[in-house]
Structure formats: C-alpha cells, structure tokens
C-alpha cells in the first residue's frame, strides 16, 4: 500500500497531528539556525552567550520532561501538549526582545521547559495511531517536520538581515505565533476510541516514575537510545560540520548542500521504505539505523583521508544521504518501541523518560565533539562514534529476549506499584 493510501486511511486525529507538526516545525525553521547570529552580530554579545543559552535550553527540556510526563498520566496528553506549546511560544517570543545575557538565559530556560513537553506530543501520536501504524505515524511526523524546518530556514534566509534587527524579532514572533496557533488547534483533536478490555475500562490507575526506573530492560533501552542519538543525531550540527570543514576541507557552501541532501534523503526514504517501516519490528529499525550511521561515519572518515575534491564530495554526499536514511529508521523505531513497552497508565512517564534521554544526548554530543575536534582528535572521535553505532546496532539485534521480558515485567510492576499506593 502506498504512503498516500495509508495517510488517507489514518484517523482524522492522526492526520491533524501530522498537519500541526508541519505548522509547528515551519515556525521552528524560521529561527533555529540564527540564535548565534542574533546574539553576537545583532545584540553585540559574546558568542558564549548564545552557546550557553543553548545549554540552558537543553537543561530546561530535561527538567520539563518529567513534569510533563507526570501531568500526561494524570490529565491526559492533549491539555499538556497545549500547555507546553504555550510555554514554548512565550520563550521564543522572549528571544526577540532579550536585551542582555541574563534575559537570554531566562527566555532559553522558559522555551526549553516548554520543549520538555514533547513527551505529551509523542503520547498523542501513539494514542491516535491505529494498531500497527505507530512506526509510520512517527516516521511521517519526523519527515514532515524535517521538510517544514528546511522550508522555514529558506524563508528566514530571505528575510533575516543583520542591518535590520526588526527582521529577527519578526521571525521570533512568527515562530511564537505558530506555537500558539498549534496549541489552539489541538483543542479539536480527539483521541480515537479503542476497543477496551475489562481491565482497560477500570479507572486510570495512579502510578509513579518507579515503574520506569525499576525496569532494567527499559532503562537499557533509554541508555542505548540516548547513546546512539548522541553519536548520530546530536552530531549533525556539531561534530559532523566541524570535522567536514576542518579535516575534510568542505566549504560552507558545500556544507549547505550536504544538509539539503540529508533532508532530501529523509523525505525520499520515508516514501520508498514506507511498507518496510510499517512491517518491521522497532528494535530491528533501531539496529538498522545504528548500522547505517556506522557506515556513514566510515564514509566521512574516508572523505577526509582520500585525495581529490570530486572523490571527497562524492563520499560526503553518499555519507549524508545514508545518514538521512538512518534517521528515518530511527525515528520510526525508537518512539514506537518506547510506547510498545509502556503500560497504558504510565505512557506519559515513559515518553518523558525518553525525552529526557534525548535532551541529555543532545547536550553531551556537541560537548564531546567540541572537545575532541578542537584538540585535533577528530578522526579518532569519529572512529569512536562508528564503534558506538555499530555496537548498539548489534545489541538491538540480540535484544529480543530481554525486551519481551521487560514488556511483561513493566505491566506486573505497574500493578504492584499501584497496589502499594505509591504516587508522585
């Protein structure tokens, strides 16, 4: 079945969420690449202010995730997603009018706190997806979002001007408005009613994060997923461009083409691999992503080592395309696995735990890349990334038994925790 046919057969709630993902990410694309430029060249502050603000942003996301997960399990995913989008909007609007370093830190913390609410968005996608279609919905959400951010970046490039600070402020305000618009439109999203068992029809049980962190299998999933993300996704805007420009002699213009290839590979692979993504087990999709990322890093290393501009650019192009295909597999598999392992009454907390792991990965990846590349150990660093990606791929290939055991144990422990009256 084609991707268009599957999209048409999705429930209205899933289609609306995909459309709202497009709107939200279009706004994000307007401002995502420009914080350093705005802080340094427009506001006249040190570059360190922008980089510190990004770290504060990630820290806010780490703190916001567990709060969002708890609220999702108590109040439902939709109202929490609306609240998190409102908080994001306030933070993004604040960027445009922050006069000094302290104000940038404050607004970054607010925006990050809102982004921590992505746990609610993941939960909504999982709850609205028909049986067996979660990998498709998650993959489509990522591909649509990726394309929308790219389009937003193109629009911003035609608008933003260092000589006219108002242009940056307008972009931040438009992004904030997109968050508020999506929050308002979420009011019309209704989670489809599913056939419920007698157990499911009981009142929603109170649970706690103990269900998450006492599950060794799921903790292993979080650790491996965060480690793989830090060794791949988190390098896309840090380790990869730094190594390509410093060690492989890639120019900024060529780097822009490489990022466009990555976006194109994500979209095309989502279309071509649609049926396979739908049929494959989540752990196998994650293993495939790890293997492809390992191959991508090998190609990047070869690009820096082999002579000839044409050969170097060809290898870089192939590496970036493979990177994009791996991304498609990962974003279809990882959130699907998280929601597959989550008991219904703790789904928000499970998604929050994954959101925290993602945020930590996005903090640690760039920090490690900066330390190694600046010290002249870029090639050794990429070899390490290759080994990590390959190792996590192998572990997921061999993980069937303990993932199955974890699925049973989480449900059992959830009942035990509920019976003991433990609450957070």
Protein backbone atom coordinates (compact mmCIF):
# COMPACT_ATOMS: atom_id res chain seq x y z
CA UNK A 1 0.00 0.00 0.00
CA UNK A 2 1.31 3.47 -0.88
CA UNK A 3 2.10 6.13 1.66
CA UNK A 4 -0.71 8.30 0.27
CA UNK A 5 -3.23 5.49 0.77
CA UNK A 6 -2.10 4.88 4.32
CA UNK A 7 -2.30 8.58 5.15
CA UNK A 8 -5.87 8.69 3.81
CA UNK A 9 -6.78 5.71 5.99
CA UNK A 10 -5.35 7.25 9.14
CA UNK A 11 -7.94 8.53 11.59
CA UNK A 12 -8.68 12.23 11.44
CA UNK A 13 -6.83 12.83 14.70
CA UNK A 14 -3.57 11.38 13.29
CA UNK A 15 -3.84 13.41 10.09
CA UNK A 16 -4.48 16.57 12.06
CA UNK A 17 -1.45 15.93 14.27
CA UNK A 18 0.72 15.50 11.18
CA UNK A 19 -0.55 18.80 9.80
CA UNK A 20 0.09 20.54 13.12
CA UNK A 21 3.60 19.09 13.14
CA UNK A 22 4.17 20.77 9.78
CA UNK A 23 2.94 24.14 11.09
CA UNK A 24 4.97 23.96 14.29
CA UNK A 25 8.21 22.93 12.58
CA UNK A 26 7.79 25.53 9.88
CA UNK A 27 7.91 28.12 12.65
CA UNK A 28 10.90 26.43 14.27
CA UNK A 29 12.80 26.50 10.98
CA UNK A 30 12.46 30.29 10.89
CA UNK A 31 14.66 30.76 13.95
CA UNK A 32 16.63 27.56 14.53
CA UNK A 33 19.92 28.49 12.77
CA UNK A 34 20.04 32.13 13.81
CA UNK A 35 20.47 32.37 17.58
CA UNK A 36 24.25 32.80 17.43
CA UNK A 37 23.95 35.39 14.65
CA UNK A 38 21.25 37.32 16.52
CA UNK A 39 23.07 37.27 19.87
CA UNK A 40 26.52 38.12 18.53
CA UNK A 41 26.04 40.23 15.42
CA UNK A 42 22.77 41.95 16.24
CA UNK A 43 22.83 42.27 20.03
CA UNK A 44 26.62 42.61 20.21
CA UNK A 45 27.05 39.98 22.93
CA UNK A 46 29.69 37.26 23.13
CA UNK A 47 29.19 34.03 21.19
CA UNK A 48 29.46 32.27 24.55
CA UNK A 49 26.12 33.84 25.50
CA UNK A 50 24.42 32.04 22.61
CA UNK A 51 26.10 28.69 23.28
CA UNK A 52 25.32 28.94 26.99
CA UNK A 53 21.72 29.79 26.16
CA UNK A 54 21.52 26.62 24.05
CA UNK A 55 22.82 24.60 27.01
CA UNK A 56 20.29 26.27 29.31
CA UNK A 57 17.59 25.47 26.74
CA UNK A 58 18.52 21.78 26.83
CA UNK A 59 18.64 21.86 30.61
CA UNK A 60 15.14 23.32 30.68
CA UNK A 61 13.96 20.50 28.42
CA UNK A 62 15.47 17.91 30.78
CA UNK A 63 13.63 19.46 33.72
CA UNK A 64 10.38 19.90 31.83
CA UNK A 65 10.12 16.31 30.59
CA UNK A 66 9.39 14.52 33.91
CA UNK A 67 6.87 17.17 34.90
CA UNK A 68 5.11 16.80 31.55
CA UNK A 69 5.12 13.00 31.83
CA UNK A 70 3.51 13.13 35.25
CA UNK A 71 0.83 15.56 34.06
CA UNK A 72 0.11 13.44 30.96
CA UNK A 73 -0.59 10.36 33.07
CA UNK A 74 -2.88 12.39 35.36
CA UNK A 75 -4.58 14.84 33.00
CA UNK A 76 -4.14 13.38 29.52
CA UNK A 77 -1.78 14.18 26.67
CA UNK A 78 -3.77 16.83 24.80
CA UNK A 79 -4.03 19.53 27.53
CA UNK A 80 -0.38 19.03 28.48
CA UNK A 81 0.71 19.37 24.85
CA UNK A 82 -1.29 22.61 24.60
CA UNK A 83 0.31 23.98 27.77
CA UNK A 84 3.83 23.08 26.62
CA UNK A 85 3.28 24.81 23.27
CA UNK A 86 2.06 27.94 25.07
CA UNK A 87 5.21 27.95 27.25
CA UNK A 88 7.38 27.45 24.16
CA UNK A 89 5.68 30.38 22.47
CA UNK A 90 6.37 32.66 25.44
CA UNK A 91 10.03 31.63 25.46
CA UNK A 92 10.56 32.03 21.72
CA UNK A 93 8.93 35.46 21.73
CA UNK A 94 11.26 36.46 24.55
CA UNK A 95 14.34 35.74 22.42
CA UNK A 96 13.48 38.57 20.08
CA UNK A 97 13.40 41.19 22.84
CA UNK A 98 16.04 39.94 25.29
CA UNK A 99 18.42 42.90 25.89
CA UNK A 100 21.25 41.18 27.76
CA UNK A 101 22.81 37.84 28.68
CA UNK A 102 20.63 37.29 31.74
CA UNK A 103 17.46 37.82 29.71
CA UNK A 104 18.65 35.35 27.05
CA UNK A 105 19.29 32.73 29.75
CA UNK A 106 15.84 33.28 31.26
CA UNK A 107 13.99 33.05 27.97
CA UNK A 108 16.03 29.99 26.94
CA UNK A 109 15.03 28.27 30.18
CA UNK A 110 11.34 29.01 29.53
CA UNK A 111 11.49 27.79 25.93
CA UNK A 112 13.37 24.65 26.98
CA UNK A 113 10.84 23.93 29.70
CA UNK A 114 8.12 24.03 27.04
CA UNK A 115 10.06 21.76 24.70
CA UNK A 116 10.30 19.27 27.56
CA UNK A 117 6.58 18.79 27.00
CA UNK A 118 7.31 16.88 23.79
CA UNK A 119 6.54 13.81 25.88
CA UNK A 120 2.89 14.81 25.55
CA UNK A 121 3.21 15.09 21.77
CA UNK A 122 4.76 11.61 21.47
CA UNK A 123 1.99 10.23 23.66
CA UNK A 124 -0.68 11.86 21.48
CA UNK A 125 0.85 10.40 18.32
CA UNK A 126 0.94 6.94 19.89
CA UNK A 127 -2.63 7.13 21.21
CA UNK A 128 -4.05 8.35 17.89
CA UNK A 129 -2.14 5.88 15.69
CA UNK A 130 -4.07 2.77 14.57
CA UNK A 131 -2.79 -0.63 15.61
CA UNK A 132 0.45 -1.43 13.76
CA UNK A 133 0.76 2.06 12.26
CA UNK A 134 2.80 3.75 15.00
CA UNK A 135 6.13 3.48 13.08
CA UNK A 136 4.50 5.09 10.04
CA UNK A 137 2.97 7.93 12.07
CA UNK A 138 6.20 8.65 13.96
CA UNK A 139 8.23 8.47 10.75
CA UNK A 140 5.85 10.75 8.87
CA UNK A 141 5.84 13.23 11.74
CA UNK A 142 9.62 13.42 11.60
CA UNK A 143 9.82 13.64 7.80
CA UNK A 144 7.14 16.32 7.61
CA UNK A 145 8.78 18.24 10.42
CA UNK A 146 12.19 17.97 8.80
CA UNK A 147 10.90 19.26 5.48
CA UNK A 148 8.98 22.07 7.19
CA UNK A 149 12.06 23.20 9.12
CA UNK A 150 14.06 23.24 5.90
CA UNK A 151 11.39 25.34 4.22
CA UNK A 152 11.29 27.66 7.22
CA UNK A 153 15.05 28.09 7.02
CA UNK A 154 14.80 29.05 3.34
CA UNK A 155 12.14 31.64 4.13
CA UNK A 156 14.18 33.03 7.02
CA UNK A 157 17.26 33.34 4.81
CA UNK A 158 15.36 35.71 2.53
CA UNK A 159 14.07 37.81 5.43
CA UNK A 160 16.76 37.99 8.13
CA UNK A 161 19.18 40.92 7.89
CA UNK A 162 21.84 41.88 10.42
CA UNK A 163 21.40 45.51 9.41
CA UNK A 164 17.71 45.34 10.33
CA UNK A 165 17.25 43.78 13.81
CA UNK A 166 13.48 44.02 13.42
CA UNK A 167 13.61 41.21 10.87
CA UNK A 168 14.93 38.81 13.52
CA UNK A 169 12.33 39.96 16.02
CA UNK A 170 9.59 39.33 13.48
CA UNK A 171 10.89 35.80 12.87
CA UNK A 172 10.87 35.03 16.59
CA UNK A 173 7.36 36.42 16.94
CA UNK A 174 6.10 34.40 13.97
CA UNK A 175 7.59 31.25 15.49
CA UNK A 176 5.91 32.05 18.81
CA UNK A 177 2.63 32.61 16.97
CA UNK A 178 2.95 29.21 15.27
CA UNK A 179 3.26 27.56 18.72
CA UNK A 180 0.16 29.35 19.97
CA UNK A 181 -1.77 28.51 16.80
CA UNK A 182 -0.93 24.81 17.09
CA UNK A 183 -1.91 24.87 20.77
CA UNK A 184 -5.30 26.37 19.85
CA UNK A 185 -5.89 23.87 17.03
CA UNK A 186 -5.09 20.94 19.33
CA UNK A 187 -8.40 21.60 21.06
CA UNK A 188 -10.07 19.98 18.06
CA UNK A 189 -8.01 16.77 18.23
CA UNK A 190 -9.93 13.81 19.67
CA UNK A 191 -8.16 10.58 20.55
CA UNK A 192 -9.96 7.68 18.77
CA UNK A 193 -12.00 5.38 20.99
CA UNK A 194 -10.49 1.90 21.02
CA UNK A 195 -12.00 -1.44 21.96
CA UNK A 196 -11.15 -1.87 25.61
CA UNK A 197 -10.76 -4.90 27.81
CA UNK A 198 -12.35 -5.08 31.25
CA UNK A 199 -9.03 -4.05 32.77
CA UNK A 200 -8.73 -1.04 30.46
CA UNK A 201 -12.24 0.11 31.41
CA UNK A 202 -11.25 0.44 35.05
CA UNK A 203 -10.45 3.95 36.32
CA UNK A 204 -6.99 5.11 35.31
CA UNK A 205 -4.54 3.90 37.96
CA UNK A 206 -2.16 6.31 39.61
CA UNK A 207 1.43 5.37 39.02
CA UNK A 208 4.92 6.77 39.52
CA UNK A 209 8.31 7.04 37.89
CA UNK A 210 9.29 3.98 39.89
CA UNK A 211 7.59 1.93 37.17
CA UNK A 212 10.03 3.41 34.65
CA UNK A 213 13.28 3.35 36.57
CA UNK A 214 12.78 -0.05 38.19
CA UNK A 215 12.53 -1.66 34.77
CA UNK A 216 16.06 -2.82 33.82
CA UNK A 217 15.04 -3.62 30.25
CA UNK A 218 13.55 -0.21 29.60
CA UNK A 219 16.45 1.55 31.30
CA UNK A 220 18.73 -0.31 28.88
CA UNK A 221 16.55 0.92 26.01
CA UNK A 222 16.89 4.51 27.28
CA UNK A 223 20.65 4.25 27.75
CA UNK A 224 21.29 2.69 24.36
CA UNK A 225 18.88 5.05 22.61
CA UNK A 226 20.43 8.13 24.21
CA UNK A 227 23.93 6.89 23.46
CA UNK A 228 23.07 6.17 19.83
CA UNK A 229 21.39 9.56 19.47
CA UNK A 230 24.41 11.36 20.97
CA UNK A 231 26.62 9.51 18.49
CA UNK A 232 24.49 10.40 15.47
CA UNK A 233 21.67 12.97 15.53
CA UNK A 234 23.43 15.18 18.05
CA UNK A 235 26.46 15.38 15.76
CA UNK A 236 24.51 16.73 12.79
CA UNK A 237 25.01 20.36 13.83
CA UNK A 238 28.25 19.93 15.79
CA UNK A 239 30.71 17.09 15.15
CA UNK A 240 29.81 16.45 11.52
CA UNK A 241 30.13 20.03 10.19
CA UNK A 242 33.19 20.70 12.37
CA UNK A 243 35.01 17.64 11.03
CA UNK A 244 33.95 18.21 7.44
CA UNK A 245 35.18 21.81 7.42
CA UNK A 246 38.36 21.32 9.45
CA UNK A 247 39.53 17.87 8.35
CA UNK A 248 37.80 17.21 5.03
CA UNK A 249 38.17 20.69 3.53
CA UNK A 250 34.45 21.11 2.86
CA UNK A 251 33.45 24.74 2.27
CA UNK A 252 30.42 26.36 3.97
CA UNK A 253 28.57 26.35 0.64
CA UNK A 254 29.22 22.65 0.16
CA UNK A 255 28.15 22.06 3.75
CA UNK A 256 24.81 23.70 2.96
CA UNK A 257 24.36 21.33 0.03
CA UNK A 258 25.17 18.41 2.32
CA UNK A 259 22.45 19.40 4.77
CA UNK A 260 19.99 19.73 1.89
CA UNK A 261 20.93 16.18 0.83
CA UNK A 262 20.24 14.94 4.35
CA UNK A 263 16.76 16.49 4.30
CA UNK A 264 16.09 15.05 0.85
CA UNK A 265 17.23 11.59 1.93
CA UNK A 266 14.89 11.68 4.93
CA UNK A 267 11.88 12.55 2.78
CA UNK A 268 12.66 10.14 -0.07
CA UNK A 269 13.49 7.24 2.24
CA UNK A 270 10.24 7.78 4.12
CA UNK A 271 8.39 7.27 0.83
CA UNK A 272 10.46 4.39 -0.53
CA UNK A 273 10.73 2.48 2.75
CA UNK A 274 7.15 3.10 3.82
CA UNK A 275 5.95 -0.51 3.68
CA UNK A 276 9.09 -1.86 5.33
CA UNK A 277 8.85 0.68 8.15
CA UNK A 278 5.28 -0.42 8.73
CA UNK A 279 6.12 -4.13 8.87
CA UNK A 280 9.45 -4.11 10.71
CA UNK A 281 9.89 -4.62 14.44
CA UNK A 282 11.01 -1.44 16.24
CA UNK A 283 14.23 -2.99 17.56
CA UNK A 284 15.23 -4.01 14.02
CA UNK A 285 14.61 -0.47 12.76
CA UNK A 286 16.87 0.88 15.53
CA UNK A 287 19.52 -1.73 14.71
CA UNK A 288 19.34 -0.76 11.04
CA UNK A 289 19.77 2.90 11.96
CA UNK A 290 22.83 2.13 14.08
CA UNK A 291 24.43 0.11 11.29
CA UNK A 292 23.76 2.80 8.68
CA UNK A 293 25.11 5.54 10.94
CA UNK A 294 28.27 3.49 11.48
CA UNK A 295 28.67 3.19 7.71
CA UNK A 296 28.06 6.92 7.32
CA UNK A 297 30.88 7.78 9.74
CA UNK A 298 33.24 5.45 7.87
CA UNK A 299 32.47 7.30 4.62
CA UNK A 300 33.09 10.67 6.32
CA UNK A 301 36.49 9.46 7.57
CA UNK A 302 37.39 8.21 4.09
CA UNK A 303 36.35 11.56 2.61
CA UNK A 304 38.92 13.31 4.80
CA UNK A 305 41.65 10.77 4.03
CA UNK A 306 41.29 10.36 0.27
CA UNK A 307 42.63 12.96 -2.13
CA UNK A 308 40.73 14.70 -4.87
CA UNK A 309 37.92 17.18 -4.48
CA UNK A 310 35.47 15.22 -6.61
CA UNK A 311 36.04 11.98 -4.69
CA UNK A 312 35.77 13.78 -1.36
CA UNK A 313 32.50 15.46 -2.26
CA UNK A 314 31.07 12.21 -3.63
CA UNK A 315 31.86 10.37 -0.40
CA UNK A 316 30.45 13.18 1.72
CA UNK A 317 27.27 13.23 -0.36
CA UNK A 318 26.78 9.47 -0.01
CA UNK A 319 27.57 9.65 3.72
CA UNK A 320 25.00 12.37 4.34
CA UNK A 321 22.36 10.51 2.31
CA UNK A 322 22.99 7.33 4.33
CA UNK A 323 22.78 9.46 7.49
CA UNK A 324 19.32 10.66 6.45
CA UNK A 325 18.08 7.11 5.73
CA UNK A 326 19.31 6.02 9.17
CA UNK A 327 17.42 8.92 10.74
CA UNK A 328 14.20 7.77 9.09
CA UNK A 329 14.62 4.27 10.52
CA UNK A 330 15.48 5.52 14.00
CA UNK A 331 12.59 7.95 14.40
CA UNK A 332 10.16 5.27 13.23
CA UNK A 333 11.56 2.64 15.58
CA UNK A 334 12.59 4.31 18.83
CA UNK A 335 9.38 6.08 19.91
CA UNK A 336 7.39 3.06 18.73
CA UNK A 337 9.48 0.80 20.97
CA UNK A 338 9.08 3.18 23.92
CA UNK A 339 5.30 3.21 23.59
CA UNK A 340 5.17 -0.54 22.97
CA UNK A 341 6.93 -1.18 26.28
CA UNK A 342 4.91 1.40 28.23
CA UNK A 343 1.90 0.27 30.30
CA UNK A 344 -1.12 2.47 29.45
CA UNK A 345 -1.23 4.21 32.83
CA UNK A 346 2.45 5.20 32.59
CA UNK A 347 2.68 6.09 28.90
CA UNK A 348 3.32 9.76 29.64
CA UNK A 349 6.16 8.95 32.02
CA UNK A 350 7.78 6.53 29.57
CA UNK A 351 7.71 9.15 26.83
CA UNK A 352 9.04 11.72 29.29
CA UNK A 353 11.92 9.42 30.19
CA UNK A 354 12.80 9.09 26.50
CA UNK A 355 12.50 12.85 26.07
CA UNK A 356 14.98 13.32 28.93
CA UNK A 357 17.38 10.81 27.40
CA UNK A 358 17.16 12.67 24.09
CA UNK A 359 17.90 16.02 25.74
CA UNK A 360 20.91 14.60 27.57
CA UNK A 361 22.16 13.11 24.31
CA UNK A 362 21.80 16.45 22.54
CA UNK A 363 23.79 18.11 25.33
CA UNK A 364 26.58 15.55 25.56
CA UNK A 365 27.09 15.01 21.82
CA UNK A 366 28.10 18.59 20.93
CA UNK A 367 30.21 18.95 24.09
CA UNK A 368 32.19 15.81 23.23
CA UNK A 369 32.52 16.85 19.59
CA UNK A 370 33.87 20.27 20.52
CA UNK A 371 36.42 18.85 22.94
CA UNK A 372 37.81 16.23 20.55
CA UNK A 373 37.71 18.22 17.30
CA UNK A 374 39.25 21.33 18.89
CA UNK A 375 42.05 19.17 20.28
CA UNK A 376 42.83 17.80 16.82
CA UNK A 377 41.43 14.32 17.51
CA UNK A 378 38.56 14.48 15.04
CA UNK A 379 39.37 11.23 13.25
CA UNK A 380 39.73 9.30 16.49
CA UNK A 381 36.44 10.75 17.64
CA UNK A 382 34.64 9.61 14.50
CA UNK A 383 36.14 6.14 14.87
CA UNK A 384 34.67 6.07 18.37
CA UNK A 385 31.27 7.14 17.02
CA UNK A 386 31.47 4.37 14.43
CA UNK A 387 32.16 1.75 17.11
CA UNK A 388 29.31 3.00 19.33
CA UNK A 389 26.79 3.00 16.47
CA UNK A 390 27.82 -0.49 15.34
CA UNK A 391 27.77 -1.86 18.89
CA UNK A 392 24.30 -0.52 19.66
CA UNK A 393 23.06 -1.95 16.38
CA UNK A 394 24.38 -5.39 17.35
CA UNK A 395 22.87 -5.19 20.83
CA UNK A 396 19.43 -4.38 19.42
CA UNK A 397 19.69 -7.30 17.01
CA UNK A 398 20.23 -9.58 20.02
CA UNK A 399 17.69 -7.90 22.30
CA UNK A 400 14.53 -9.88 21.54
CA UNK A 401 14.50 -11.93 24.76
CA UNK A 402 15.09 -9.19 27.29
CA UNK A 403 12.73 -6.78 25.53
CA UNK A 404 9.98 -9.41 25.69
CA UNK A 405 10.70 -10.00 29.37
CA UNK A 406 10.67 -6.25 30.01
CA UNK A 407 7.23 -5.92 28.38
CA UNK A 408 5.79 -8.38 30.90
CA UNK A 409 7.68 -7.07 33.91
CA UNK A 410 6.67 -3.43 33.40
CA UNK A 411 3.00 -4.34 33.41
CA UNK A 412 3.44 -6.50 36.51
CA UNK A 413 5.39 -3.85 38.38
CA UNK A 414 2.87 -1.19 37.41
CA UNK A 415 0.18 -3.22 39.21
CA UNK A 416 2.44 -3.68 42.25
CA UNK A 417 3.24 0.00 42.49
CA UNK A 418 -0.43 0.89 42.13
CA UNK A 419 -1.42 -1.61 44.79
CA UNK A 420 1.11 -0.15 47.21
CA UNK A 421 -0.33 3.32 46.70
CA UNK A 422 2.99 4.86 45.62
CA UNK A 423 2.37 8.15 43.86
CA UNK A 424 4.37 11.07 42.51
